[in-house]
């Protein structure tokens, strides 16, 4: 099981949250340095986005363990 943390970011349409997947030591799988403490993003019209490198790493780990099958 993986923990996730969102960080606020600006987008063309307003505010958004970018979700990262965390290692056991609290660092992001993508290697991005996250704030020591989670930073709240406004919930007003806030869109959720997911870090592509983090999601790719999770999918690869699950596939290695037989938890996911590639879609064809």
Protein backbone atom coordinates (compact mmCIF):
# COMPACT_ATOMS: atom_id res chain seq x y z
CA UNK A 1 0.00 0.00 0.00
CA UNK A 2 1.25 3.45 -0.86
CA UNK A 3 0.60 6.79 0.85
CA UNK A 4 -0.05 9.86 -1.23
CA UNK A 5 0.41 13.57 -0.66
CA UNK A 6 -0.98 16.46 -2.63
CA UNK A 7 0.73 19.77 -3.22
CA UNK A 8 -1.02 22.88 -4.50
CA UNK A 9 -0.22 24.05 -8.00
CA UNK A 10 -1.45 26.67 -10.41
CA UNK A 11 -3.04 25.63 -13.68
CA UNK A 12 -4.51 27.40 -16.69
CA UNK A 13 -8.01 26.99 -15.24
CA UNK A 14 -7.23 27.94 -11.63
CA UNK A 15 -5.93 26.00 -8.68
CA UNK A 16 -5.20 22.28 -8.62
CA UNK A 17 -3.70 19.63 -6.38
CA UNK A 18 -0.88 17.48 -7.74
CA UNK A 19 -0.84 14.08 -6.02
CA UNK A 20 2.44 12.25 -5.47
CA UNK A 21 3.05 8.69 -4.25
CA UNK A 22 5.36 8.42 -1.24
CA UNK A 23 8.06 5.91 -0.37
CA UNK A 24 8.24 4.60 3.18
CA UNK A 25 10.73 7.37 4.03
CA UNK A 26 8.21 10.02 2.92
CA UNK A 27 9.96 11.02 -0.30
CA UNK A 28 8.06 11.09 -3.59
CA UNK A 29 8.63 8.23 -6.05
CA UNK A 30 9.26 10.79 -8.80
CA UNK A 31 12.17 12.29 -6.84
CA UNK A 32 10.55 15.68 -6.41
CA UNK A 33 11.28 17.37 -3.09
CA UNK A 34 8.02 17.90 -1.24
CA UNK A 35 7.41 20.25 1.66
CA UNK A 36 8.23 18.72 5.05
CA UNK A 37 4.58 19.17 6.00
CA UNK A 38 1.63 18.81 3.65
CA UNK A 39 0.41 22.14 2.34
CA UNK A 40 -3.34 22.56 2.08
CA UNK A 41 -4.82 23.54 -1.26
CA UNK A 42 -8.11 25.37 -1.44
CA UNK A 43 -11.05 23.05 -2.08
CA UNK A 44 -12.95 25.75 -3.99
CA UNK A 45 -13.04 24.59 -7.61
CA UNK A 46 -9.75 22.76 -7.08
CA UNK A 47 -8.94 20.11 -9.67
CA UNK A 48 -6.99 16.96 -8.76
CA UNK A 49 -4.09 15.87 -10.96
CA UNK A 50 -1.70 12.96 -10.51
CA UNK A 51 2.06 12.96 -10.96
CA UNK A 52 2.73 10.88 -14.07
CA UNK A 53 6.18 9.59 -12.97
CA UNK A 54 4.76 8.53 -9.57
CA UNK A 55 1.78 6.74 -11.16
CA UNK A 56 4.06 5.03 -13.69
CA UNK A 57 6.28 3.74 -10.87
CA UNK A 58 3.26 2.33 -8.99
CA UNK A 59 1.93 0.63 -12.13
CA UNK A 60 5.34 -0.93 -12.84
CA UNK A 61 5.63 -2.22 -9.26
CA UNK A 62 2.13 -3.70 -9.37
CA UNK A 63 2.80 -5.34 -12.74
CA UNK A 64 6.00 -6.92 -11.40
CA UNK A 65 4.00 -8.39 -8.53
CA UNK A 66 1.24 -9.62 -10.85
CA UNK A 67 -1.31 -7.15 -9.50
CA UNK A 68 -1.95 -5.42 -12.81
CA UNK A 69 -2.15 -6.58 -16.36
CA UNK A 70 -1.38 -4.19 -19.20
CA UNK A 71 -4.42 -3.03 -21.12
CA UNK A 72 -4.43 -3.92 -24.82
